[in-house]
Protein backbone atom coordinates (compact mmCIF):
# COMPACT_ATOMS: atom_id res chain seq x y z
CA UNK A 1 6.06 -44.24 -7.76
CA UNK A 2 5.17 -41.55 -10.26
CA UNK A 3 3.06 -42.91 -13.07
CA UNK A 4 3.01 -41.71 -16.66
CA UNK A 5 -0.37 -40.09 -16.10
CA UNK A 6 1.05 -37.98 -13.28
CA UNK A 7 3.96 -36.93 -15.46
CA UNK A 8 1.55 -36.01 -18.23
CA UNK A 9 -0.58 -33.72 -16.08
CA UNK A 10 2.46 -32.09 -14.45
CA UNK A 11 4.14 -31.42 -17.81
CA UNK A 12 0.91 -30.02 -19.18
CA UNK A 13 0.61 -27.69 -16.18
CA UNK A 14 4.21 -26.42 -15.87
CA UNK A 15 4.39 -24.70 -19.27
CA UNK A 16 1.29 -22.49 -18.91
CA UNK A 17 2.13 -21.82 -15.26
CA UNK A 18 5.60 -20.42 -15.99
CA UNK A 19 4.36 -18.33 -18.93
CA UNK A 20 1.34 -16.94 -17.07
CA UNK A 21 3.42 -16.21 -13.96
CA UNK A 22 5.95 -14.03 -15.78
CA UNK A 23 3.25 -12.29 -17.83
CA UNK A 24 1.26 -11.55 -14.66
CA UNK A 25 4.36 -10.29 -12.89
CA UNK A 26 5.16 -8.02 -15.85
CA UNK A 27 1.61 -6.61 -15.83
CA UNK A 28 1.76 -5.91 -12.08
CA UNK A 29 5.13 -4.16 -12.40
CA UNK A 30 3.84 -2.04 -15.31
CA UNK A 31 0.74 -1.17 -13.28
CA UNK A 32 2.98 0.02 -10.45
CA UNK A 33 5.06 2.15 -12.82
CA UNK A 34 1.87 3.62 -14.27
CA UNK A 35 0.98 4.93 -10.80
CA UNK A 36 4.42 6.48 -10.20
CA UNK A 37 5.39 7.45 -13.75
CA UNK A 38 5.37 11.17 -12.90
CA UNK A 39 7.93 10.61 -10.13
CA UNK A 40 10.36 8.80 -12.46
CA UNK A 41 10.25 11.05 -15.52
CA UNK A 42 12.66 13.96 -15.70
CA UNK A 43 14.81 12.95 -12.72
CA UNK A 44 17.87 11.96 -14.74
CA UNK A 45 17.87 8.43 -13.27
CA UNK A 46 20.34 6.02 -14.76
CA UNK A 47 19.36 2.58 -16.10
CA UNK A 48 21.09 0.94 -13.12
CA UNK A 49 18.72 2.62 -10.65
CA UNK A 50 15.63 1.75 -12.73
CA UNK A 51 16.66 -1.91 -13.13
CA UNK A 52 17.46 -2.17 -9.43
CA UNK A 53 14.03 -0.84 -8.51
CA UNK A 54 12.32 -3.22 -10.98
CA UNK A 55 14.21 -6.14 -9.45
CA UNK A 56 13.14 -5.33 -5.89
CA UNK A 57 9.57 -4.45 -6.85
CA UNK A 58 9.19 -7.67 -8.84
CA UNK A 59 10.19 -9.65 -5.76
CA UNK A 60 7.57 -7.81 -3.70
CA UNK A 61 4.82 -8.63 -6.23
CA UNK A 62 5.61 -12.36 -6.52
CA UNK A 63 3.05 -13.47 -3.84
CA UNK A 64 0.30 -11.63 -5.72
CA UNK A 65 1.29 -13.07 -9.11
CA UNK A 66 1.47 -16.70 -7.95
CA UNK A 67 -2.26 -17.18 -7.14
CA UNK A 68 -3.39 -15.73 -10.45
CA UNK A 69 -0.82 -17.83 -12.33
CA UNK A 70 -2.02 -21.03 -10.63
CA UNK A 71 -5.68 -20.16 -11.23
CA UNK A 72 -5.27 -19.46 -14.95
CA UNK A 73 -2.81 -22.28 -15.64
CA UNK A 74 -5.00 -24.88 -13.89
CA UNK A 75 -8.01 -23.60 -15.86
CA UNK A 76 -6.07 -23.86 -19.12
CA UNK A 77 -4.65 -27.30 -18.29
CA UNK A 78 -7.93 -29.00 -17.43
CA UNK A 79 -9.78 -27.04 -20.12
CA UNK A 80 -7.38 -28.27 -22.81
CA UNK A 81 -7.64 -31.86 -21.57
CA UNK A 82 -11.42 -31.61 -21.57
CA UNK A 83 -11.56 -30.04 -25.03
CA UNK A 84 -9.38 -32.80 -26.52
CA UNK A 85 -11.49 -35.49 -24.76
CA UNK A 86 -8.44 -36.75 -22.86
CA UNK A 87 -10.25 -36.03 -19.61
CA UNK A 88 -13.21 -38.13 -20.77
CA UNK A 89 -10.88 -41.01 -21.68
CA UNK A 90 -9.23 -40.85 -18.28
CA UNK A 91 -12.58 -40.94 -16.49
CA UNK A 92 -13.69 -43.82 -18.74
CA UNK A 93 -10.63 -45.78 -17.62
CA UNK A 94 -11.96 -45.63 -14.06
CA UNK A 95 -9.69 -42.84 -12.79
CA UNK A 96 -11.55 -40.28 -10.71
CA UNK A 97 -11.07 -36.57 -11.05
CA UNK A 98 -9.60 -36.31 -7.53
CA UNK A 99 -6.98 -38.94 -8.40
CA UNK A 100 -6.18 -37.07 -11.59
CA UNK A 101 -5.85 -33.80 -9.66
CA UNK A 102 -3.57 -35.31 -7.01
CA UNK A 103 -0.18 -34.62 -8.68
CA UNK A 104 -1.10 -30.98 -9.33
CA UNK A 105 -2.41 -30.75 -5.77
CA UNK A 106 1.02 -31.84 -4.51
CA UNK A 107 2.74 -29.37 -6.87
CA UNK A 108 0.47 -26.57 -5.62
CA UNK A 109 1.28 -27.38 -1.98
CA UNK A 110 4.97 -27.23 -2.90
CA UNK A 111 4.40 -23.81 -4.53
CA UNK A 112 2.56 -22.67 -1.38
CA UNK A 113 5.59 -23.61 0.69
CA UNK A 114 7.90 -21.69 -1.65
CA UNK A 115 5.55 -18.71 -1.53
CA UNK A 116 5.57 -18.75 2.27
CA UNK A 117 9.38 -18.93 2.45
CA UNK A 118 9.56 -16.15 -0.12
CA UNK A 119 7.14 -13.98 1.88
CA UNK A 120 8.91 -14.63 5.16
CA UNK A 121 12.56 -14.24 4.20
CA UNK A 122 12.95 -12.52 0.83
CA UNK A 123 10.05 -10.07 0.63
CA UNK A 124 10.94 -8.17 3.87
CA UNK A 125 14.38 -7.40 2.44
CA UNK A 126 13.02 -6.60 -1.04
CA UNK A 127 10.27 -4.39 0.42
CA UNK A 128 12.83 -2.53 2.53
CA UNK A 129 15.09 -1.89 -0.47
CA UNK A 130 12.14 -0.98 -2.71
CA UNK A 131 10.56 1.44 -0.19
CA UNK A 132 13.88 3.21 0.47
CA UNK A 133 14.71 3.49 -3.23
CA UNK A 134 11.20 4.70 -4.12
CA UNK A 135 11.37 7.39 -1.42
CA UNK A 136 14.71 8.60 -2.75
CA UNK A 137 13.31 8.73 -6.30
CA UNK A 138 10.13 10.57 -5.29
CA UNK A 139 12.00 13.25 -3.32
CA UNK A 140 14.77 13.65 -5.89
CA UNK A 141 14.78 16.93 -7.80
CA UNK A 142 14.13 16.99 -11.55
CA UNK A 143 17.20 16.87 -13.75
CA UNK A 144 18.88 20.19 -14.50
CA UNK A 145 17.34 21.51 -17.71
CA UNK A 146 17.72 25.09 -18.95
CA UNK A 147 15.23 26.09 -21.63
CA UNK A 148 15.39 29.10 -23.93
CA UNK A 149 13.49 32.20 -22.85
CA UNK A 150 12.34 30.76 -19.49
CA UNK A 151 13.63 31.65 -16.02
CA UNK A 152 14.98 28.58 -14.25
CA UNK A 153 14.80 28.93 -10.44
CA UNK A 154 15.61 25.38 -9.27
CA UNK A 155 19.24 26.23 -8.51
CA UNK A 156 19.30 27.39 -4.86
CA UNK A 157 19.87 31.16 -4.63
CA UNK A 158 19.70 31.90 -8.38
CA UNK A 159 17.28 32.43 -11.23
CA UNK A 160 18.76 31.92 -14.71
CA UNK A 161 17.41 32.87 -18.11
CA UNK A 162 19.05 32.07 -21.45
CA UNK A 163 17.86 33.75 -24.62
CA UNK A 164 19.23 31.19 -27.02
CA UNK A 165 21.30 28.00 -27.00
CA UNK A 166 23.38 26.80 -29.92
CA UNK A 167 23.08 23.30 -31.33
CA UNK A 168 25.82 21.92 -29.10
CA UNK A 169 24.07 23.31 -25.95
CA UNK A 170 27.33 24.79 -24.68
CA UNK A 171 27.32 28.21 -26.40
CA UNK A 172 24.65 30.43 -24.86
CA UNK A 173 23.49 33.98 -25.70
CA UNK A 174 21.56 36.76 -23.94
CA UNK A 175 22.18 35.48 -20.43
CA UNK A 176 20.50 36.92 -17.30
CA UNK A 177 21.40 35.64 -13.82
CA UNK A 178 19.50 36.93 -10.77
CA UNK A 179 21.11 36.38 -7.40
CA UNK A 180 18.55 35.80 -4.67
CA UNK A 181 20.78 37.00 -1.87
CA UNK A 182 18.33 39.00 0.23
CA UNK A 183 14.97 40.70 0.28
CA UNK A 184 16.41 44.22 -0.14
CA UNK A 185 19.11 43.36 -2.66
CA UNK A 186 18.72 43.33 -6.40
CA UNK A 187 21.88 41.76 -7.82
CA UNK A 188 22.01 40.34 -11.31
CA UNK A 189 24.37 39.68 -14.22
CA UNK A 190 23.67 40.42 -17.87
CA UNK A 191 25.89 39.06 -20.63
CA UNK A 192 25.65 38.87 -24.42
CA UNK A 193 27.17 35.40 -24.75
CA UNK A 194 29.00 32.71 -22.89
CA UNK A 195 29.95 29.06 -22.63
CA UNK A 196 28.14 26.62 -20.33
CA UNK A 197 29.79 23.40 -19.10
CA UNK A 198 29.42 20.84 -16.32
CA UNK A 199 32.31 19.71 -14.17
CA UNK A 200 33.36 16.04 -14.61
CA UNK A 201 31.69 15.03 -11.33
CA UNK A 202 28.48 16.92 -12.34
CA UNK A 203 28.42 18.78 -9.04
CA UNK A 204 28.95 22.27 -10.47
CA UNK A 205 27.74 24.23 -13.48
CA UNK A 206 30.24 26.76 -14.87
CA UNK A 207 29.38 29.85 -16.94
CA UNK A 208 32.15 31.62 -18.85
CA UNK A 209 30.32 34.88 -19.66
CA UNK A 210 31.54 37.51 -22.11
CA UNK A 211 30.67 41.16 -22.77
CA UNK A 212 28.32 41.94 -19.94
CA UNK A 213 27.53 43.90 -16.79
CA UNK A 214 27.18 43.00 -13.14
CA UNK A 215 24.72 45.08 -11.10
CA UNK A 216 25.00 44.93 -7.33
CA UNK A 217 23.09 46.65 -4.53
CA UNK A 218 24.51 47.01 -1.01
CA UNK A 219 22.62 48.21 2.01
CA UNK A 220 21.51 47.38 5.52
CA UNK A 221 18.16 45.75 6.13
CA UNK A 222 16.97 48.37 8.63
CA UNK A 223 19.15 51.25 7.49
CA UNK A 224 18.14 54.51 5.83
CA UNK A 225 17.06 54.23 2.20
CA UNK A 226 19.61 56.82 1.15
CA UNK A 227 22.53 54.76 2.51
CA UNK A 228 22.19 52.01 -0.15
CA UNK A 229 25.03 51.64 -2.65
CA UNK A 230 24.52 50.74 -6.28
CA UNK A 231 27.51 49.22 -8.09
CA UNK A 232 27.78 48.53 -11.79
CA UNK A 233 30.77 46.59 -13.14
CA UNK A 234 31.42 45.93 -16.81
CA UNK A 235 33.42 42.90 -17.88
CA UNK A 236 34.82 41.31 -20.99
CA UNK A 237 34.97 37.88 -19.38
CA UNK A 238 33.38 36.67 -16.15
CA UNK A 239 33.25 33.18 -14.60
CA UNK A 240 30.27 32.10 -12.49
CA UNK A 241 29.87 28.72 -10.80
CA UNK A 242 26.62 27.15 -9.57
CA UNK A 243 26.36 24.30 -7.06
CA UNK A 244 24.30 21.40 -8.47
CA UNK A 245 24.84 18.91 -5.64
CA UNK A 246 21.16 19.08 -4.69
CA UNK A 247 20.26 17.65 -8.15
CA UNK A 248 22.26 14.47 -7.61
CA UNK A 249 20.40 11.28 -6.71
CA UNK A 250 21.22 10.57 -3.07
CA UNK A 251 20.72 7.17 -1.44
CA UNK A 252 19.47 7.04 2.13
CA UNK A 253 20.34 4.14 4.48
CA UNK A 254 17.89 1.24 4.70
CA UNK A 255 17.79 1.46 8.49
CA UNK A 256 15.30 4.35 8.30
CA UNK A 257 12.46 1.98 7.29
CA UNK A 258 13.31 -1.05 9.41
CA UNK A 259 10.53 -0.29 11.90
CA UNK A 260 7.82 -0.90 9.29
CA UNK A 261 5.88 -4.15 9.79
CA UNK A 262 6.17 -5.07 6.09
CA UNK A 263 9.93 -5.33 6.52
CA UNK A 264 9.70 -8.01 9.24
CA UNK A 265 9.61 -11.80 9.21
CA UNK A 266 7.02 -13.81 11.12
CA UNK A 267 9.40 -14.34 14.02
CA UNK A 268 10.05 -10.61 14.27
CA UNK A 269 6.34 -9.87 13.93
CA UNK A 270 5.54 -12.35 16.71
CA UNK A 271 8.02 -10.70 19.06
CA UNK A 272 6.75 -7.27 18.06
CA UNK A 273 3.10 -8.25 18.70
CA UNK A 274 3.97 -9.65 22.14
CA UNK A 275 5.99 -6.56 23.10
CA UNK A 276 3.34 -4.15 21.81
CA UNK A 277 0.55 -5.99 23.66
CA UNK A 278 2.41 -5.91 26.98
CA UNK A 279 3.41 -2.28 26.52
CA UNK A 280 -0.16 -1.29 25.65
CA UNK A 281 -1.54 -3.00 28.75
CA UNK A 282 1.14 -1.45 30.97
CA UNK A 283 0.63 2.08 29.63
CA UNK A 284 -3.16 1.75 29.87
CA UNK A 285 -3.00 0.71 33.54
CA UNK A 286 -0.45 3.41 34.39
CA UNK A 287 -2.49 6.12 32.69
CA UNK A 288 -5.62 5.01 34.55
CA UNK A 289 -3.84 5.50 37.86
CA UNK A 290 -2.50 8.90 36.79
CA UNK A 291 -5.94 9.91 35.56
CA UNK A 292 -7.56 9.26 38.98
CA UNK A 293 -4.68 10.70 41.01
CA UNK A 294 -6.24 14.22 41.48
CA UNK A 295 -9.33 12.74 43.19
CA UNK A 296 -8.94 12.36 46.95
CA UNK A 297 -11.70 9.77 47.34
CA UNK A 298 -9.70 7.16 45.48
CA UNK A 299 -7.65 6.18 48.54
CA UNK A 300 -10.84 5.49 50.50
CA UNK A 301 -12.48 3.18 47.98
CA UNK A 302 -11.46 -0.04 49.82
CA UNK A 303 -11.12 1.30 53.40
CA UNK A 304 -14.67 0.66 54.69
CA UNK A 305 -15.59 4.34 54.63
CA UNK A 306 -19.34 3.54 54.61
CA UNK A 307 -19.10 2.44 58.28
CA UNK A 308 -17.50 5.58 59.66
CA UNK A 309 -19.22 7.23 62.68
CA UNK A 310 -19.79 10.66 61.11
CA UNK A 311 -22.35 9.16 58.75
CA UNK A 312 -24.70 8.67 61.72
CA UNK A 313 -25.22 12.36 62.29
CA UNK A 314 -28.79 13.61 61.91
CA UNK A 315 -27.73 16.23 59.33
CA UNK A 316 -26.47 13.60 56.93
CA UNK A 317 -29.39 11.24 57.51
CA UNK A 318 -31.95 13.95 56.70
CA UNK A 319 -30.10 15.40 53.69
CA UNK A 320 -31.64 14.81 50.26
CA UNK A 321 -29.10 16.74 48.14
CA UNK A 322 -25.38 17.29 48.36
CA UNK A 323 -25.81 21.04 48.79
CA UNK A 324 -27.65 20.47 52.13
CA UNK A 325 -24.52 18.87 53.56
CA UNK A 326 -22.25 21.79 52.63
CA UNK A 327 -22.33 25.13 54.43
CA UNK A 328 -23.22 28.16 52.33
CA UNK A 329 -19.67 29.52 52.38
CA UNK A 330 -18.22 26.29 50.93
CA UNK A 331 -20.65 25.67 48.09
CA UNK A 332 -19.07 28.03 45.53
CA UNK A 333 -15.42 26.88 46.00
CA UNK A 334 -16.48 23.22 46.10
CA UNK A 335 -18.47 23.63 42.85
CA UNK A 336 -15.54 25.37 41.15
CA UNK A 337 -13.13 22.68 42.34
CA UNK A 338 -15.45 19.95 41.09
CA UNK A 339 -15.79 21.61 37.68
CA UNK A 340 -12.01 21.95 37.44
CA UNK A 341 -11.50 18.28 38.32
CA UNK A 342 -14.13 17.20 35.77
CA UNK A 343 -12.46 19.28 33.03
CA UNK A 344 -9.08 17.77 33.93
CA UNK A 345 -10.60 14.28 33.92
CA UNK A 346 -12.15 14.88 30.48
CA UNK A 347 -8.80 15.98 29.02
CA UNK A 348 -7.05 12.98 30.56
CA UNK A 349 -9.65 10.59 29.15
CA UNK A 350 -9.35 12.09 25.64
CA UNK A 351 -5.57 11.85 25.81
CA UNK A 352 -5.77 8.25 27.07
CA UNK A 353 -8.25 7.36 24.32
CA UNK A 354 -6.07 8.84 21.53
CA UNK A 355 -2.94 7.18 22.87
CA UNK A 356 -4.68 3.83 23.19
CA UNK A 357 -6.11 4.07 19.65
CA UNK A 358 -2.67 4.78 18.18
CA UNK A 359 -1.10 1.85 20.01
CA UNK A 360 -3.93 -0.52 19.06
CA UNK A 361 -3.70 0.58 15.42
CA UNK A 362 0.04 -0.13 15.37
CA UNK A 363 -0.61 -3.50 17.02
CA UNK A 364 -3.32 -4.38 14.48
CA UNK A 365 -1.00 -3.57 11.58
CA UNK A 366 1.50 -6.12 12.94
CA UNK A 367 -1.21 -8.77 13.29
CA UNK A 368 -2.48 -8.06 9.77
CA UNK A 369 0.97 -8.50 8.30
CA UNK A 370 1.48 -11.73 10.28
CA UNK A 371 -1.70 -13.24 8.83
CA UNK A 372 -0.93 -11.89 5.34
CA UNK A 373 2.18 -14.04 5.00
CA UNK A 374 0.14 -17.22 5.56
CA UNK A 375 -3.08 -16.25 3.77
CA UNK A 376 -1.33 -15.18 0.55
CA UNK A 377 0.62 -18.44 0.49
CA UNK A 378 -2.49 -20.60 0.95
CA UNK A 379 -4.33 -18.50 -1.66
CA UNK A 380 -2.46 -20.54 -4.29
CA UNK A 381 -4.12 -23.72 -3.02
CA UNK A 382 -7.55 -22.06 -2.71
CA UNK A 383 -7.50 -20.79 -6.29
CA UNK A 384 -6.26 -24.16 -7.54
CA UNK A 385 -9.35 -25.76 -5.95
CA UNK A 386 -11.39 -23.36 -8.09
CA UNK A 387 -9.40 -23.48 -11.33
CA UNK A 388 -8.95 -27.26 -11.70
CA UNK A 389 -12.63 -28.32 -11.35
CA UNK A 390 -13.81 -25.26 -13.26
CA UNK A 391 -11.54 -26.15 -16.19
CA UNK A 392 -12.87 -29.72 -16.25
CA UNK A 393 -16.45 -28.37 -16.30
CA UNK A 394 -16.11 -25.77 -19.07
CA UNK A 395 -13.81 -27.99 -21.22
CA UNK A 396 -12.41 -25.00 -23.09
CA UNK A 397 -8.71 -24.45 -23.66
CA UNK A 398 -6.65 -21.52 -24.89
CA UNK A 399 -6.83 -18.00 -23.51
CA UNK A 400 -10.49 -17.19 -24.24
CA UNK A 401 -12.98 -18.49 -21.72
CA UNK A 402 -10.33 -19.54 -19.14
CA UNK A 403 -8.87 -16.03 -19.10
CA UNK A 404 -12.27 -14.41 -18.54
CA UNK A 405 -13.18 -16.79 -15.71
CA UNK A 406 -9.73 -16.43 -14.13
CA UNK A 407 -10.04 -12.66 -14.15
CA UNK A 408 -13.52 -12.87 -12.58
CA UNK A 409 -12.43 -15.11 -9.71
CA UNK A 410 -9.18 -13.22 -9.17
CA UNK A 411 -11.11 -9.94 -8.96
CA UNK A 412 -13.36 -11.56 -6.34
CA UNK A 413 -10.29 -12.78 -4.45
CA UNK A 414 -8.55 -9.40 -4.63
CA UNK A 415 -11.68 -7.43 -3.74
CA UNK A 416 -12.51 -9.58 -0.71
CA UNK A 417 -8.88 -9.54 0.45
CA UNK A 418 -8.67 -5.75 0.18
CA UNK A 419 -12.05 -5.27 1.84
CA UNK A 420 -11.15 -7.58 4.70
CA UNK A 421 -7.80 -5.86 5.24
CA UNK A 422 -9.46 -2.43 5.27
CA UNK A 423 -12.09 -3.58 7.77
CA UNK A 424 -9.37 -5.06 9.97
CA UNK A 425 -7.38 -1.83 9.89
CA UNK A 426 -10.51 0.11 10.90
CA UNK A 427 -11.09 -2.37 13.76
CA UNK A 428 -14.47 -3.35 12.31
CA UNK A 429 -13.47 -7.03 12.41
CA UNK A 430 -10.50 -8.86 13.87
CA UNK A 431 -7.27 -9.19 11.84
CA UNK A 432 -7.89 -12.94 11.66
CA UNK A 433 -11.30 -12.51 10.02
CA UNK A 434 -10.12 -9.67 7.79
CA UNK A 435 -7.09 -11.38 6.29
CA UNK A 436 -8.86 -14.75 5.85
CA UNK A 437 -12.11 -13.32 4.48
CA UNK A 438 -11.31 -14.25 0.87
CA UNK A 439 -10.39 -17.79 1.94
CA UNK A 440 -13.66 -18.22 3.86
CA UNK A 441 -15.61 -17.13 0.76
CA UNK A 442 -13.70 -18.99 -1.96
CA UNK A 443 -13.13 -22.35 -0.25
CA UNK A 444 -16.87 -23.24 -0.31
CA UNK A 445 -16.97 -22.19 -3.96
CA UNK A 446 -14.03 -24.49 -4.74
CA UNK A 447 -15.61 -27.42 -2.90
CA UNK A 448 -18.89 -26.84 -4.74
CA UNK A 449 -17.14 -26.78 -8.13
CA UNK A 450 -15.18 -29.93 -7.23
CA UNK A 451 -18.43 -31.66 -6.30
CA UNK A 452 -20.00 -30.64 -9.61
CA UNK A 453 -16.92 -31.63 -11.62
CA UNK A 454 -16.80 -35.13 -10.05
CA UNK A 455 -20.39 -35.70 -11.24
CA UNK A 456 -19.82 -34.31 -14.76
CA UNK A 457 -22.02 -31.31 -14.10
CA UNK A 458 -23.34 -29.27 -17.02
CA UNK A 459 -23.06 -26.08 -15.02
CA UNK A 460 -21.67 -24.05 -17.94
CA UNK A 461 -23.36 -25.90 -20.81
CA UNK A 462 -25.66 -23.79 -23.00
CA UNK A 463 -27.61 -26.87 -24.05
CA UNK A 464 -28.38 -27.70 -20.39
CA UNK A 465 -29.88 -24.28 -19.74
CA UNK A 466 -31.75 -24.42 -23.05
CA UNK A 467 -33.40 -27.71 -22.01
CA UNK A 468 -34.26 -26.21 -18.65
CA UNK A 469 -35.99 -23.24 -20.27
CA UNK A 470 -38.03 -25.62 -22.48
CA UNK A 471 -39.46 -27.20 -19.33
CA UNK A 472 -39.93 -23.91 -17.51
CA UNK A 473 -41.76 -22.06 -20.30
CA UNK A 474 -44.96 -24.20 -20.18
CA UNK A 475 -45.10 -23.76 -16.43
CA UNK A 476 -44.72 -19.99 -16.72
CA UNK A 477 -47.46 -19.86 -19.39
CA UNK A 478 -49.73 -21.87 -17.11
CA UNK A 479 -49.09 -19.62 -14.11
CA UNK A 480 -49.13 -16.35 -16.03
CA UNK A 481 -51.54 -16.71 -18.99
CA UNK A 482 -51.34 -14.01 -21.63
CA UNK A 483 -54.15 -11.50 -21.46
CA UNK A 484 -56.38 -11.33 -24.51
CA UNK A 485 -56.72 -7.92 -26.01
CA UNK A 486 -60.11 -6.34 -25.42
CA UNK A 487 -62.36 -6.21 -28.46
CA UNK A 488 -63.85 -2.95 -29.49
């Protein structure tokens, strides 16, 4: 049965949690756009494409926003209760801090479950859509934009210069169009004025030029210089059409990025890890056999060759070096053959090493992603174990001190997570240790803060440290007496 006290703490927690979550998500999305702002500006993207990308990218960033939201909201909740002395009244009534934290602990576990389901089923699809859409945006050409007095060479095969555009941007004057048809040709159009318009489907740009000349050069690439023909044609009106299909925003199919480990669920990652491990072991064993195939002694390794009768000859028993066994005529070809086999073996080993490293790197990336889905979900619970007792210790509400402490601990969490992931990718530590490094560091901190909060610790009290310094100063003066200045 849910008591009124449990309802009170849950209601106090839900409001800050929802507000902080959406604010954090907004900040993370804006940070992402800040990194890729140059790829979005000037591409002529419609609002539908931008909103679609924001929707998918927001879904991808949800697991990172949840831990910070829980950390800050738990800090604010317990800080407000401590500042208004409600926490003191609850403890005076004989209710322990752990009992008071229990409803929020259950709520946090529920949020962890939602975060895991979100990471396992929704984020792979959102990451796939976001990656494909971002690639299309990055590789899209800038929007078609003709400026006065500047040659525009983004249209394939042409370079266009307009001297002046009227206010409506359709009447143009002093037009020059160079046709980039070949290295030996110099074809261009000069016109005094014209009208510029786009077709309804925006695939073609049409120029209706007036009062101009068309200059054309004809000749063979390897012909005689004197055989070139120069043609000049005057016109009163001339129509020229340019293909702008390359400027349109093209969508690529999502299947191109399905092989990425971030676009897989845990079940798919588990199957991929098992298949990659078996394939790596099989290829490694096969390449070892192929690497030793050129050496003839391999087939005698397990045949009892040490007991053969020719080893009993006096020449072999008295030999101290390999050259004494070989006749003089065979030493040079045997040495050359040995050097050739060693060079071949070295190349095979380098190839085997590179191939094995690539396969192991791909396998590690799958294991890292498998652990990420669980570690990011449990990070909500880990940061709650830090935020709740820390808020009851500092007893400060609002967005001042709680925000500073939340940022500090979240930076520690993010830094250790990123460092562990990087070390796991470099094979310095295992993927298990790398992805759970932040948890191994922060869980003891949370247990320590819980221990201090249960005993009403003055860990962040200025008065406590001031009293400590009053006791420490006499001891320091006793140990390190001040030197008297020497008298003249």
